[in-house]
N, C-alpha and C. Protein backbone atom coordinates (compact mmCIF):
# COMPACT_ATOMS: atom_id res chain seq x y z
N MET A 1 15.45 -18.58 -31.78
CA MET A 1 15.64 -19.51 -30.70
C MET A 1 16.22 -18.78 -29.49
N VAL A 2 15.62 -18.99 -28.36
CA VAL A 2 16.03 -18.33 -27.14
C VAL A 2 17.20 -19.09 -26.52
N ASP A 3 18.17 -18.33 -26.06
CA ASP A 3 19.33 -18.92 -25.40
C ASP A 3 18.90 -19.60 -24.10
N GLU A 4 19.40 -20.79 -23.85
CA GLU A 4 19.05 -21.55 -22.64
C GLU A 4 19.48 -20.81 -21.36
N VAL A 5 20.53 -20.00 -21.47
CA VAL A 5 21.00 -19.23 -20.31
C VAL A 5 19.90 -18.29 -19.83
N ILE A 6 19.19 -17.66 -20.76
CA ILE A 6 18.11 -16.73 -20.42
C ILE A 6 16.98 -17.47 -19.71
N ILE A 7 16.58 -18.59 -20.27
CA ILE A 7 15.49 -19.37 -19.67
C ILE A 7 15.87 -19.86 -18.28
N ASN A 8 17.09 -20.39 -18.15
CA ASN A 8 17.54 -20.88 -16.84
C ASN A 8 17.64 -19.74 -15.82
N TYR A 9 18.05 -18.56 -16.29
CA TYR A 9 18.17 -17.40 -15.40
C TYR A 9 16.79 -17.02 -14.86
N PHE A 10 15.80 -16.94 -15.74
CA PHE A 10 14.44 -16.60 -15.29
C PHE A 10 13.90 -17.67 -14.34
N LYS A 11 14.12 -18.94 -14.68
CA LYS A 11 13.61 -20.01 -13.82
C LYS A 11 14.26 -19.98 -12.44
N LYS A 12 15.54 -19.68 -12.41
CA LYS A 12 16.27 -19.69 -11.14
C LYS A 12 15.85 -18.54 -10.22
N TYR A 13 15.63 -17.35 -10.79
CA TYR A 13 15.41 -16.16 -9.96
C TYR A 13 13.98 -15.62 -9.98
N LYS A 14 13.05 -16.29 -10.68
CA LYS A 14 11.71 -15.73 -10.82
C LYS A 14 10.95 -15.63 -9.50
N ASP A 15 11.26 -16.49 -8.54
CA ASP A 15 10.57 -16.43 -7.25
C ASP A 15 11.17 -15.39 -6.31
N ARG A 16 12.36 -14.93 -6.62
CA ARG A 16 13.04 -13.98 -5.73
C ARG A 16 12.97 -12.53 -6.20
N PHE A 17 12.87 -12.32 -7.51
CA PHE A 17 12.91 -10.97 -8.06
C PHE A 17 11.80 -10.78 -9.09
N PRO A 18 11.29 -9.55 -9.23
CA PRO A 18 10.30 -9.29 -10.28
C PRO A 18 10.92 -9.49 -11.66
N LYS A 19 10.09 -9.86 -12.61
CA LYS A 19 10.62 -10.16 -13.94
C LYS A 19 11.19 -8.93 -14.63
N GLU A 20 10.71 -7.73 -14.26
CA GLU A 20 11.25 -6.50 -14.85
C GLU A 20 12.71 -6.31 -14.47
N VAL A 21 13.05 -6.63 -13.22
CA VAL A 21 14.43 -6.51 -12.76
C VAL A 21 15.31 -7.52 -13.48
N LEU A 22 14.81 -8.75 -13.60
CA LEU A 22 15.58 -9.79 -14.28
C LEU A 22 15.78 -9.43 -15.76
N LYS A 23 14.74 -8.90 -16.36
CA LYS A 23 14.82 -8.50 -17.77
C LYS A 23 15.88 -7.42 -17.95
N GLU A 24 15.86 -6.44 -17.06
CA GLU A 24 16.82 -5.34 -17.15
C GLU A 24 18.26 -5.84 -16.96
N LYS A 25 18.46 -6.76 -16.03
CA LYS A 25 19.80 -7.32 -15.79
C LYS A 25 20.32 -8.05 -17.03
N LEU A 26 19.45 -8.83 -17.66
CA LEU A 26 19.87 -9.58 -18.85
C LEU A 26 20.19 -8.65 -20.02
N ILE A 27 19.38 -7.61 -20.20
CA ILE A 27 19.63 -6.66 -21.29
C ILE A 27 20.93 -5.91 -21.04
N ASN A 28 21.15 -5.51 -19.78
CA ASN A 28 22.41 -4.82 -19.43
C ASN A 28 23.62 -5.73 -19.59
N ALA A 29 23.40 -7.05 -19.47
CA ALA A 29 24.50 -8.00 -19.64
C ALA A 29 24.80 -8.26 -21.11
N GLY A 30 23.98 -7.71 -22.03
CA GLY A 30 24.28 -7.82 -23.45
C GLY A 30 23.40 -8.77 -24.23
N TYR A 31 22.42 -9.36 -23.60
CA TYR A 31 21.52 -10.25 -24.33
C TYR A 31 20.51 -9.41 -25.13
N PRO A 32 20.16 -9.86 -26.33
CA PRO A 32 19.20 -9.10 -27.15
C PRO A 32 17.82 -9.02 -26.48
N GLU A 33 17.21 -7.86 -26.60
CA GLU A 33 15.93 -7.61 -25.93
C GLU A 33 14.84 -8.56 -26.42
N GLU A 34 14.83 -8.87 -27.70
CA GLU A 34 13.82 -9.78 -28.24
C GLU A 34 13.95 -11.18 -27.66
N GLU A 35 15.17 -11.64 -27.48
CA GLU A 35 15.37 -12.96 -26.89
C GLU A 35 14.94 -12.97 -25.43
N VAL A 36 15.21 -11.87 -24.73
CA VAL A 36 14.81 -11.78 -23.33
C VAL A 36 13.29 -11.80 -23.22
N LYS A 37 12.61 -11.08 -24.12
CA LYS A 37 11.13 -11.08 -24.10
C LYS A 37 10.59 -12.47 -24.41
N GLU A 38 11.21 -13.17 -25.34
CA GLU A 38 10.78 -14.53 -25.65
C GLU A 38 11.01 -15.45 -24.45
N GLY A 39 12.11 -15.25 -23.76
CA GLY A 39 12.39 -16.03 -22.55
C GLY A 39 11.34 -15.79 -21.47
N ILE A 40 10.88 -14.54 -21.35
CA ILE A 40 9.82 -14.22 -20.39
C ILE A 40 8.54 -14.96 -20.77
N GLU A 41 8.20 -14.97 -22.05
CA GLU A 41 6.99 -15.66 -22.49
C GLU A 41 7.08 -17.16 -22.24
N ILE A 42 8.26 -17.72 -22.40
CA ILE A 42 8.43 -19.16 -22.18
C ILE A 42 8.29 -19.49 -20.70
N VAL A 43 8.96 -18.73 -19.85
CA VAL A 43 8.99 -19.05 -18.42
C VAL A 43 7.70 -18.61 -17.72
N TYR A 44 7.23 -17.39 -18.01
CA TYR A 44 6.07 -16.86 -17.31
C TYR A 44 4.76 -17.15 -18.03
N GLY A 45 4.83 -17.52 -19.30
CA GLY A 45 3.63 -17.76 -20.08
C GLY A 45 3.20 -16.51 -20.82
N LYS A 46 2.37 -16.69 -21.84
CA LYS A 46 1.93 -15.57 -22.66
C LYS A 46 0.76 -14.82 -22.05
N LYS A 47 -0.02 -15.50 -21.21
CA LYS A 47 -1.18 -14.85 -20.61
C LYS A 47 -0.73 -13.80 -19.61
N ARG A 48 -1.47 -12.74 -19.56
CA ARG A 48 -1.23 -11.72 -18.56
C ARG A 48 -2.14 -12.00 -17.38
N ASN A 49 -1.55 -12.15 -16.26
CA ASN A 49 -2.32 -12.34 -15.04
C ASN A 49 -2.65 -10.96 -14.49
N LEU A 50 -3.94 -10.61 -14.47
CA LEU A 50 -4.34 -9.27 -14.03
C LEU A 50 -4.08 -9.05 -12.55
N ARG A 51 -4.00 -10.12 -11.78
CA ARG A 51 -3.72 -9.96 -10.35
C ARG A 51 -2.25 -9.65 -10.10
N ARG A 52 -1.40 -10.04 -11.00
CA ARG A 52 0.03 -9.78 -10.84
C ARG A 52 0.35 -8.47 -11.54
N LEU A 53 0.43 -7.42 -10.79
CA LEU A 53 0.62 -6.09 -11.35
C LEU A 53 2.07 -5.88 -11.75
N GLU A 54 2.27 -5.21 -12.85
CA GLU A 54 3.62 -4.99 -13.35
C GLU A 54 4.17 -3.64 -12.91
N THR A 55 3.45 -2.90 -12.12
CA THR A 55 3.91 -1.59 -11.69
C THR A 55 4.40 -1.63 -10.25
N THR A 56 4.93 -2.75 -9.82
CA THR A 56 5.39 -2.91 -8.46
C THR A 56 6.58 -1.99 -8.20
N LYS A 57 6.52 -1.30 -7.06
CA LYS A 57 7.63 -0.43 -6.65
C LYS A 57 8.80 -1.30 -6.22
N LEU A 58 9.96 -1.02 -6.78
CA LEU A 58 11.16 -1.75 -6.42
C LEU A 58 11.93 -0.91 -5.40
N TYR A 59 11.98 -1.38 -4.18
CA TYR A 59 12.69 -0.67 -3.13
C TYR A 59 14.17 -1.03 -3.22
N THR A 60 15.01 -0.01 -3.28
CA THR A 60 16.45 -0.26 -3.35
C THR A 60 17.14 -0.01 -2.02
N THR A 61 16.52 0.80 -1.15
CA THR A 61 17.12 1.06 0.16
C THR A 61 16.06 0.89 1.24
N SER A 62 16.53 0.71 2.45
CA SER A 62 15.58 0.60 3.57
C SER A 62 14.94 1.95 3.87
N ALA A 63 15.61 3.05 3.51
CA ALA A 63 15.03 4.38 3.73
C ALA A 63 13.76 4.56 2.90
N GLU A 64 13.74 4.01 1.69
CA GLU A 64 12.53 4.09 0.87
C GLU A 64 11.38 3.33 1.51
N LYS A 65 11.70 2.17 2.08
CA LYS A 65 10.68 1.37 2.76
C LYS A 65 10.15 2.12 3.97
N GLN A 66 11.03 2.71 4.75
CA GLN A 66 10.62 3.45 5.95
C GLN A 66 9.77 4.66 5.57
N LEU A 67 10.18 5.38 4.53
CA LEU A 67 9.42 6.55 4.09
C LEU A 67 8.02 6.16 3.63
N ASP A 68 7.91 5.10 2.84
CA ASP A 68 6.59 4.64 2.41
C ASP A 68 5.74 4.21 3.60
N PHE A 69 6.33 3.52 4.56
CA PHE A 69 5.59 3.10 5.75
C PHE A 69 5.07 4.32 6.52
N LEU A 70 5.93 5.32 6.72
CA LEU A 70 5.52 6.52 7.45
C LEU A 70 4.44 7.30 6.71
N ILE A 71 4.56 7.37 5.39
CA ILE A 71 3.52 8.04 4.60
C ILE A 71 2.19 7.29 4.76
N GLY A 72 2.24 5.98 4.67
CA GLY A 72 1.03 5.17 4.84
C GLY A 72 0.44 5.31 6.23
N PHE A 73 1.29 5.48 7.23
CA PHE A 73 0.81 5.58 8.61
C PHE A 73 0.17 6.94 8.89
N PHE A 74 0.81 8.03 8.45
CA PHE A 74 0.34 9.36 8.81
C PHE A 74 -0.61 10.00 7.80
N ALA A 75 -0.54 9.62 6.53
CA ALA A 75 -1.34 10.27 5.50
C ALA A 75 -2.85 10.20 5.73
N PRO A 76 -3.43 9.07 6.13
CA PRO A 76 -4.88 9.04 6.30
C PRO A 76 -5.39 10.02 7.35
N GLY A 77 -4.68 10.16 8.44
CA GLY A 77 -5.10 11.11 9.47
C GLY A 77 -5.02 12.54 8.98
N ILE A 78 -3.95 12.86 8.27
CA ILE A 78 -3.79 14.22 7.75
C ILE A 78 -4.84 14.51 6.70
N VAL A 79 -5.05 13.57 5.79
CA VAL A 79 -6.03 13.78 4.71
C VAL A 79 -7.44 13.90 5.28
N SER A 80 -7.81 13.06 6.23
CA SER A 80 -9.17 13.14 6.78
C SER A 80 -9.37 14.42 7.58
N THR A 81 -8.34 14.90 8.26
CA THR A 81 -8.45 16.16 8.99
C THR A 81 -8.64 17.32 8.04
N ILE A 82 -7.84 17.36 6.99
CA ILE A 82 -7.97 18.44 6.00
C ILE A 82 -9.33 18.37 5.33
N PHE A 83 -9.78 17.17 4.97
CA PHE A 83 -11.09 17.00 4.36
C PHE A 83 -12.20 17.50 5.29
N SER A 84 -12.11 17.16 6.57
CA SER A 84 -13.12 17.60 7.54
C SER A 84 -13.15 19.12 7.64
N LEU A 85 -11.99 19.73 7.73
CA LEU A 85 -11.94 21.19 7.84
C LEU A 85 -12.49 21.88 6.60
N ILE A 86 -12.18 21.34 5.43
CA ILE A 86 -12.69 21.93 4.19
C ILE A 86 -14.21 21.81 4.12
N VAL A 87 -14.74 20.64 4.44
CA VAL A 87 -16.19 20.45 4.40
C VAL A 87 -16.89 21.35 5.41
N TYR A 88 -16.37 21.40 6.63
CA TYR A 88 -16.95 22.29 7.64
C TYR A 88 -16.93 23.74 7.17
N TYR A 89 -15.82 24.15 6.60
CA TYR A 89 -15.68 25.53 6.14
C TYR A 89 -16.68 25.85 5.03
N PHE A 90 -16.79 24.99 4.03
CA PHE A 90 -17.71 25.26 2.93
C PHE A 90 -19.17 25.16 3.37
N LEU A 91 -19.49 24.27 4.26
CA LEU A 91 -20.85 24.21 4.77
C LEU A 91 -21.18 25.46 5.58
N HIS A 92 -20.20 25.95 6.31
CA HIS A 92 -20.41 27.19 7.06
C HIS A 92 -20.61 28.37 6.11
N LEU A 93 -19.86 28.42 5.01
CA LEU A 93 -20.02 29.48 4.02
C LEU A 93 -21.39 29.42 3.35
N LEU A 94 -21.92 28.22 3.18
CA LEU A 94 -23.23 28.06 2.56
C LEU A 94 -24.36 28.39 3.52
N GLY A 95 -24.05 28.64 4.77
CA GLY A 95 -25.06 29.05 5.72
C GLY A 95 -25.65 27.94 6.55
N PHE A 96 -25.06 26.76 6.51
CA PHE A 96 -25.56 25.68 7.35
C PHE A 96 -25.22 25.98 8.81
N SER A 97 -26.21 25.86 9.63
CA SER A 97 -25.92 25.96 11.06
C SER A 97 -25.71 24.54 11.56
N PHE A 98 -24.71 24.37 12.34
CA PHE A 98 -24.36 23.03 12.80
C PHE A 98 -25.18 22.67 14.03
N ARG A 99 -26.39 22.24 13.75
CA ARG A 99 -27.24 21.76 14.83
C ARG A 99 -26.76 20.38 15.25
N VAL A 100 -27.26 19.91 16.34
CA VAL A 100 -26.77 18.67 16.92
C VAL A 100 -26.96 17.50 15.97
N TYR A 101 -28.13 17.38 15.34
CA TYR A 101 -28.38 16.21 14.50
C TYR A 101 -27.47 16.21 13.28
N PHE A 102 -27.23 17.36 12.67
CA PHE A 102 -26.38 17.42 11.50
C PHE A 102 -24.92 17.17 11.89
N HIS A 103 -24.51 17.76 12.98
CA HIS A 103 -23.15 17.59 13.44
C HIS A 103 -22.87 16.13 13.78
N SER A 104 -23.83 15.44 14.38
CA SER A 104 -23.65 14.04 14.73
C SER A 104 -23.52 13.18 13.47
N PHE A 105 -24.35 13.48 12.46
CA PHE A 105 -24.25 12.72 11.22
C PHE A 105 -22.90 12.93 10.55
N PHE A 106 -22.44 14.17 10.52
CA PHE A 106 -21.18 14.49 9.89
C PHE A 106 -20.02 13.87 10.68
N ALA A 107 -20.11 13.90 11.98
CA ALA A 107 -19.07 13.30 12.82
C ALA A 107 -19.03 11.78 12.63
N PHE A 108 -20.13 11.19 12.22
CA PHE A 108 -20.17 9.76 11.93
C PHE A 108 -19.66 9.47 10.51
N LEU A 109 -19.89 10.39 9.60
CA LEU A 109 -19.55 10.19 8.19
C LEU A 109 -18.04 10.20 7.95
N ILE A 110 -17.33 11.12 8.58
CA ILE A 110 -15.88 11.25 8.34
C ILE A 110 -15.13 9.97 8.74
N PRO A 111 -15.36 9.40 9.92
CA PRO A 111 -14.65 8.15 10.23
C PRO A 111 -15.00 7.00 9.28
N ILE A 112 -16.24 6.95 8.82
CA ILE A 112 -16.63 5.90 7.86
C ILE A 112 -15.88 6.08 6.54
N LEU A 113 -15.78 7.32 6.07
CA LEU A 113 -15.02 7.58 4.84
C LEU A 113 -13.54 7.28 5.04
N THR A 114 -13.00 7.60 6.21
CA THR A 114 -11.60 7.31 6.50
C THR A 114 -11.35 5.81 6.53
N LEU A 115 -12.25 5.07 7.16
CA LEU A 115 -12.12 3.62 7.20
C LEU A 115 -12.18 3.03 5.79
N GLY A 116 -13.11 3.51 4.99
CA GLY A 116 -13.20 3.06 3.60
C GLY A 116 -11.95 3.38 2.81
N GLY A 117 -11.39 4.57 3.04
CA GLY A 117 -10.14 4.94 2.38
C GLY A 117 -8.98 4.06 2.80
N HIS A 118 -8.93 3.73 4.10
CA HIS A 118 -7.89 2.82 4.59
C HIS A 118 -7.97 1.47 3.88
N ILE A 119 -9.14 0.91 3.89
CA ILE A 119 -9.32 -0.43 3.32
C ILE A 119 -9.03 -0.42 1.82
N PHE A 120 -9.54 0.58 1.12
CA PHE A 120 -9.27 0.70 -0.31
C PHE A 120 -7.77 0.86 -0.55
N GLY A 121 -7.11 1.72 0.24
CA GLY A 121 -5.68 1.96 0.07
C GLY A 121 -4.86 0.72 0.32
N ILE A 122 -5.23 -0.06 1.32
CA ILE A 122 -4.49 -1.29 1.60
C ILE A 122 -4.55 -2.24 0.41
N PHE A 123 -5.75 -2.43 -0.12
CA PHE A 123 -5.88 -3.33 -1.27
C PHE A 123 -5.23 -2.75 -2.52
N TYR A 124 -5.35 -1.46 -2.73
CA TYR A 124 -4.81 -0.82 -3.93
C TYR A 124 -3.29 -0.86 -3.95
N PHE A 125 -2.67 -0.56 -2.81
CA PHE A 125 -1.22 -0.46 -2.77
C PHE A 125 -0.51 -1.77 -2.44
N TRP A 126 -1.24 -2.83 -2.09
CA TRP A 126 -0.59 -4.05 -1.62
C TRP A 126 0.42 -4.59 -2.62
N LYS A 127 0.09 -4.63 -3.90
CA LYS A 127 1.02 -5.14 -4.91
C LYS A 127 1.85 -4.02 -5.54
N ARG A 128 1.44 -2.79 -5.37
CA ARG A 128 2.15 -1.69 -6.00
C ARG A 128 3.26 -1.14 -5.11
N ARG A 129 2.90 -0.82 -3.88
CA ARG A 129 3.86 -0.26 -2.92
C ARG A 129 3.57 -0.90 -1.57
N ARG A 130 4.18 -2.04 -1.35
CA ARG A 130 3.87 -2.89 -0.20
C ARG A 130 4.03 -2.17 1.14
N TYR A 131 5.07 -1.38 1.32
CA TYR A 131 5.30 -0.74 2.61
C TYR A 131 4.33 0.40 2.87
N LEU A 132 3.84 1.02 1.82
CA LEU A 132 2.79 2.02 1.99
C LEU A 132 1.52 1.33 2.50
N ALA A 133 1.21 0.18 1.92
CA ALA A 133 0.04 -0.59 2.36
C ALA A 133 0.22 -1.07 3.80
N LEU A 134 1.43 -1.48 4.16
CA LEU A 134 1.67 -1.90 5.54
C LEU A 134 1.52 -0.75 6.52
N GLY A 135 1.93 0.45 6.10
CA GLY A 135 1.72 1.64 6.94
C GLY A 135 0.24 1.93 7.13
N LEU A 136 -0.53 1.80 6.07
CA LEU A 136 -1.98 1.99 6.17
C LEU A 136 -2.60 0.95 7.10
N LEU A 137 -2.16 -0.30 6.96
CA LEU A 137 -2.69 -1.37 7.80
C LEU A 137 -2.35 -1.13 9.27
N PHE A 138 -1.11 -0.75 9.54
CA PHE A 138 -0.71 -0.50 10.92
C PHE A 138 -1.45 0.71 11.48
N ALA A 139 -1.67 1.75 10.66
CA ALA A 139 -2.42 2.92 11.13
C ALA A 139 -3.86 2.53 11.46
N LEU A 140 -4.41 1.59 10.71
CA LEU A 140 -5.77 1.13 10.97
C LEU A 140 -5.83 0.31 12.26
N LEU A 141 -4.81 -0.50 12.51
CA LEU A 141 -4.81 -1.38 13.68
C LEU A 141 -4.23 -0.72 14.92
N PHE A 142 -3.51 0.38 14.78
CA PHE A 142 -2.82 1.01 15.90
C PHE A 142 -3.73 1.37 17.08
N PRO A 143 -4.90 1.96 16.86
CA PRO A 143 -5.76 2.25 18.02
C PRO A 143 -6.18 1.00 18.79
N PHE A 144 -6.41 -0.09 18.07
CA PHE A 144 -6.80 -1.33 18.74
C PHE A 144 -5.64 -1.94 19.52
N ILE A 145 -4.44 -1.84 18.96
CA ILE A 145 -3.26 -2.32 19.66
C ILE A 145 -3.02 -1.49 20.92
N LEU A 146 -3.14 -0.18 20.78
CA LEU A 146 -2.96 0.71 21.93
C LEU A 146 -4.01 0.45 22.99
N LEU A 147 -5.25 0.26 22.60
CA LEU A 147 -6.32 -0.03 23.55
C LEU A 147 -6.06 -1.37 24.26
N GLY A 148 -5.62 -2.36 23.53
CA GLY A 148 -5.29 -3.65 24.14
C GLY A 148 -4.16 -3.53 25.15
N LEU A 149 -3.15 -2.74 24.82
CA LEU A 149 -2.05 -2.54 25.76
C LEU A 149 -2.50 -1.79 27.01
N LEU A 150 -3.37 -0.80 26.84
CA LEU A 150 -3.89 -0.07 28.01
C LEU A 150 -4.73 -0.97 28.91
N ILE A 151 -5.56 -1.79 28.31
CA ILE A 151 -6.36 -2.73 29.11
C ILE A 151 -5.46 -3.70 29.84
N LEU A 152 -4.45 -4.21 29.18
CA LEU A 152 -3.50 -5.12 29.81
C LEU A 152 -2.77 -4.42 30.96
N PHE A 153 -2.37 -3.18 30.74
CA PHE A 153 -1.68 -2.41 31.78
C PHE A 153 -2.56 -2.24 33.01
N PHE A 154 -3.84 -1.85 32.81
CA PHE A 154 -4.74 -1.66 33.95
C PHE A 154 -5.08 -2.97 34.64
N LEU A 155 -5.16 -4.05 33.88
CA LEU A 155 -5.39 -5.35 34.51
C LEU A 155 -4.20 -5.77 35.37
N LEU A 156 -3.01 -5.49 34.89
CA LEU A 156 -1.82 -5.81 35.68
C LEU A 156 -1.75 -4.96 36.95
N ILE A 157 -2.17 -3.71 36.86
CA ILE A 157 -2.20 -2.84 38.04
C ILE A 157 -3.21 -3.35 39.05
N ILE A 158 -4.37 -3.77 38.57
CA ILE A 158 -5.42 -4.27 39.48
C ILE A 158 -4.96 -5.57 40.14
N ILE A 159 -4.35 -6.45 39.38
CA ILE A 159 -3.93 -7.74 39.91
C ILE A 159 -2.80 -7.58 40.92
N PHE A 160 -1.83 -6.76 40.62
CA PHE A 160 -0.68 -6.60 41.51
C PHE A 160 -0.89 -5.37 42.32
């Protein structure tokens, strides 16, 4: 029989904290692990929801959130640049001459792959590492935000 304190604890805090954190707190407080697991099954149900990932990153400091955001913001540009240089280098070693048509296709391919990586990364990290996903999202939207601000700036200059 599960202690009512465990069930009430999960019900009270389940919307605010991940169940792994609540489970750890109860075990550290001295409640038996088996009772805590039974309490989880009672409150959360026995079915595993595949959309609710259990590998969520628990941020303990704001520095971790900032670091993940910065990694998400800068990593796609760095990775795509390195990828482009490696591909250009190996194609050059293989003897490909970069004629206009091939260069144009390759110049079109890298941004498409980068965009696909952004979108995949946002969906992949959204439940796992939320701030990394937010950094990816902001990096994807940043050029459009900057362009909108520049257009607004020039419109204000023209008007005034």
